C-alpha cells in the first residue's frame, strides 16, 4: 500500500530517520503501517510536497495520503472523508485534524492528516 506524505512536515507525524535518512519515522508512519497490515499489505512511503497532496491523490500517485491536510468543505466536495484521529495541537476545534479520503464512484482517494 503506497501512502503519500510530506516528510518535510516534520515530527511527530513523519520525518527522516536520523539513523537512516532513506527511511521515515513518526506517527503517520505507524498509522500507515497499521492500515497496510490490516489490508494484508506492506506500507511504502511516497514523498509528496504538502502543497500538491490533493493533486497527487487525484493522479493516483499513492493509495492513501497522510501529513498536514485538513478537512474542509472544498476538500469534501472532491473526496469522501472519514475522521480517524484526535487533535494533537491547539487549533480551531471546528477543524478536524485527520481524515481518510476513499474513492467511491470515481472520486479520487487518499488520507489526510495534520
Protein backbone atom coordinates (compact mmCIF):
# COMPACT_ATOMS: atom_id res chain seq x y z
CA UNK A 1 0.00 0.00 0.00
CA UNK A 2 1.59 3.25 -1.12
CA UNK A 3 0.98 6.17 1.22
CA UNK A 4 1.79 9.76 0.40
CA UNK A 5 3.04 12.33 2.85
CA UNK A 6 5.46 15.19 3.27
CA UNK A 7 8.49 14.28 5.39
CA UNK A 8 9.41 17.97 5.45
CA UNK A 9 6.32 18.50 7.63
CA UNK A 10 8.34 17.07 10.48
CA UNK A 11 7.86 15.22 13.71
CA UNK A 12 5.86 13.79 15.25
CA UNK A 13 4.00 12.84 12.07
CA UNK A 14 6.68 11.93 9.52
CA UNK A 15 10.38 12.74 9.30
CA UNK A 16 13.60 11.20 8.02
CA UNK A 17 15.08 8.68 10.45
CA UNK A 18 18.41 10.16 11.67
CA UNK A 19 19.91 6.65 11.78
CA UNK A 20 18.91 6.01 8.15
CA UNK A 21 17.73 9.08 6.17
CA UNK A 22 16.34 6.80 3.45
CA UNK A 23 13.68 5.66 5.96
CA UNK A 24 10.93 7.68 7.61
CA UNK A 25 9.56 7.50 11.13
CA UNK A 26 6.71 9.10 13.06
CA UNK A 27 3.04 8.83 13.90
CA UNK A 28 1.88 8.78 10.26
CA UNK A 29 4.40 6.01 9.54
CA UNK A 30 2.84 3.93 12.31
CA UNK A 31 -0.72 4.69 11.12
CA UNK A 32 0.18 3.72 7.55
CA UNK A 33 1.80 0.51 8.81
CA UNK A 34 -1.31 -0.45 10.77
CA UNK A 35 -3.63 0.26 7.82
CA UNK A 36 -1.39 -1.76 5.48
CA UNK A 37 -1.15 -4.63 7.97
CA UNK A 38 -4.95 -4.66 8.27
CA UNK A 39 -5.15 -4.96 4.49
CA UNK A 40 -2.51 -7.68 4.37
CA UNK A 41 -0.10 -5.39 2.54
CA UNK A 42 3.23 -3.67 3.17
CA UNK A 43 3.33 0.13 3.64
CA UNK A 44 5.51 2.06 1.17
CA UNK A 45 6.13 5.80 1.70
CA UNK A 46 5.81 8.18 -1.27
CA UNK A 47 7.24 11.69 -0.70
CA UNK A 48 4.76 14.33 -1.84
CA UNK A 49 5.03 18.10 -1.49
CA UNK A 50 2.40 19.23 1.01
CA UNK A 51 1.12 21.89 -1.39
CA UNK A 52 0.28 19.26 -4.03
CA UNK A 53 -1.01 16.36 -1.92
CA UNK A 54 -4.58 16.70 -3.32
CA UNK A 55 -3.33 16.71 -6.92
CA UNK A 56 -1.10 13.70 -6.18
CA UNK A 57 -4.11 11.82 -4.77
CA UNK A 58 -6.14 12.69 -7.85
CA UNK A 59 -3.34 11.38 -10.12
CA UNK A 60 -3.18 8.14 -8.14
CA UNK A 61 0.43 8.66 -7.01
CA UNK A 62 -0.45 6.79 -3.79
CA UNK A 63 -3.26 4.74 -2.27
CA UNK A 64 -3.75 6.91 0.82
CA UNK A 65 -2.23 10.22 1.83
CA UNK A 66 -1.20 11.47 5.24
CA UNK A 67 0.52 14.61 6.56
CA UNK A 68 -0.73 18.09 7.01
CA UNK A 69 -4.01 18.24 5.12
CA UNK A 70 -7.10 19.40 6.97
CA UNK A 71 -10.65 18.52 6.10
CA UNK A 72 -12.95 21.24 4.82
CA UNK A 73 -15.94 21.81 2.53
CA UNK A 74 -13.87 22.21 -0.66
CA UNK A 75 -11.92 19.01 0.00
CA UNK A 76 -15.12 17.12 0.90
CA UNK A 77 -16.62 18.17 -2.45
CA UNK A 78 -13.86 16.19 -4.20
CA UNK A 79 -13.11 13.37 -1.72
CA UNK A 80 -15.04 11.10 0.64
CA UNK A 81 -13.79 11.80 4.15
CA UNK A 82 -13.58 9.78 7.38
CA UNK A 83 -12.04 11.13 10.58
CA UNK A 84 -9.52 8.86 12.25
CA UNK A 85 -7.60 10.63 14.98
CA UNK A 86 -7.89 13.39 17.52
CA UNK A 87 -6.30 16.81 17.54
CA UNK A 88 -2.70 16.93 18.76
CA UNK A 89 -2.18 20.68 18.70
CA UNK A 90 -4.23 23.67 19.85
CA UNK A 91 -6.23 24.84 16.86
CA UNK A 92 -9.76 25.78 15.99
CA UNK A 93 -11.75 22.86 17.42
CA UNK A 94 -14.15 23.01 14.45
CA UNK A 95 -11.41 21.82 12.07
CA UNK A 96 -10.77 18.05 12.13
CA UNK A 97 -7.14 17.05 12.44
CA UNK A 98 -7.23 13.92 10.31
CA UNK A 99 -9.36 12.49 7.56
CA UNK A 100 -9.19 9.48 5.29
CA UNK A 101 -10.50 10.01 1.79
CA UNK A 102 -11.76 7.00 -0.12
CA UNK A 103 -12.55 6.73 -3.80
CA UNK A 104 -16.19 5.74 -4.34
CA UNK A 105 -17.81 6.31 -7.72
CA UNK A 106 -14.77 7.74 -9.43
CA UNK A 107 -13.75 10.19 -6.72
CA UNK A 108 -10.03 10.31 -6.03
CA UNK A 109 -8.83 8.94 -2.74
CA UNK A 110 -6.25 9.34 -0.04
CA UNK A 111 -5.95 10.06 3.65
CA UNK A 112 -5.23 13.44 5.05
CA UNK A 113 -3.74 14.10 8.45
CA UNK A 114 -2.41 17.11 10.25
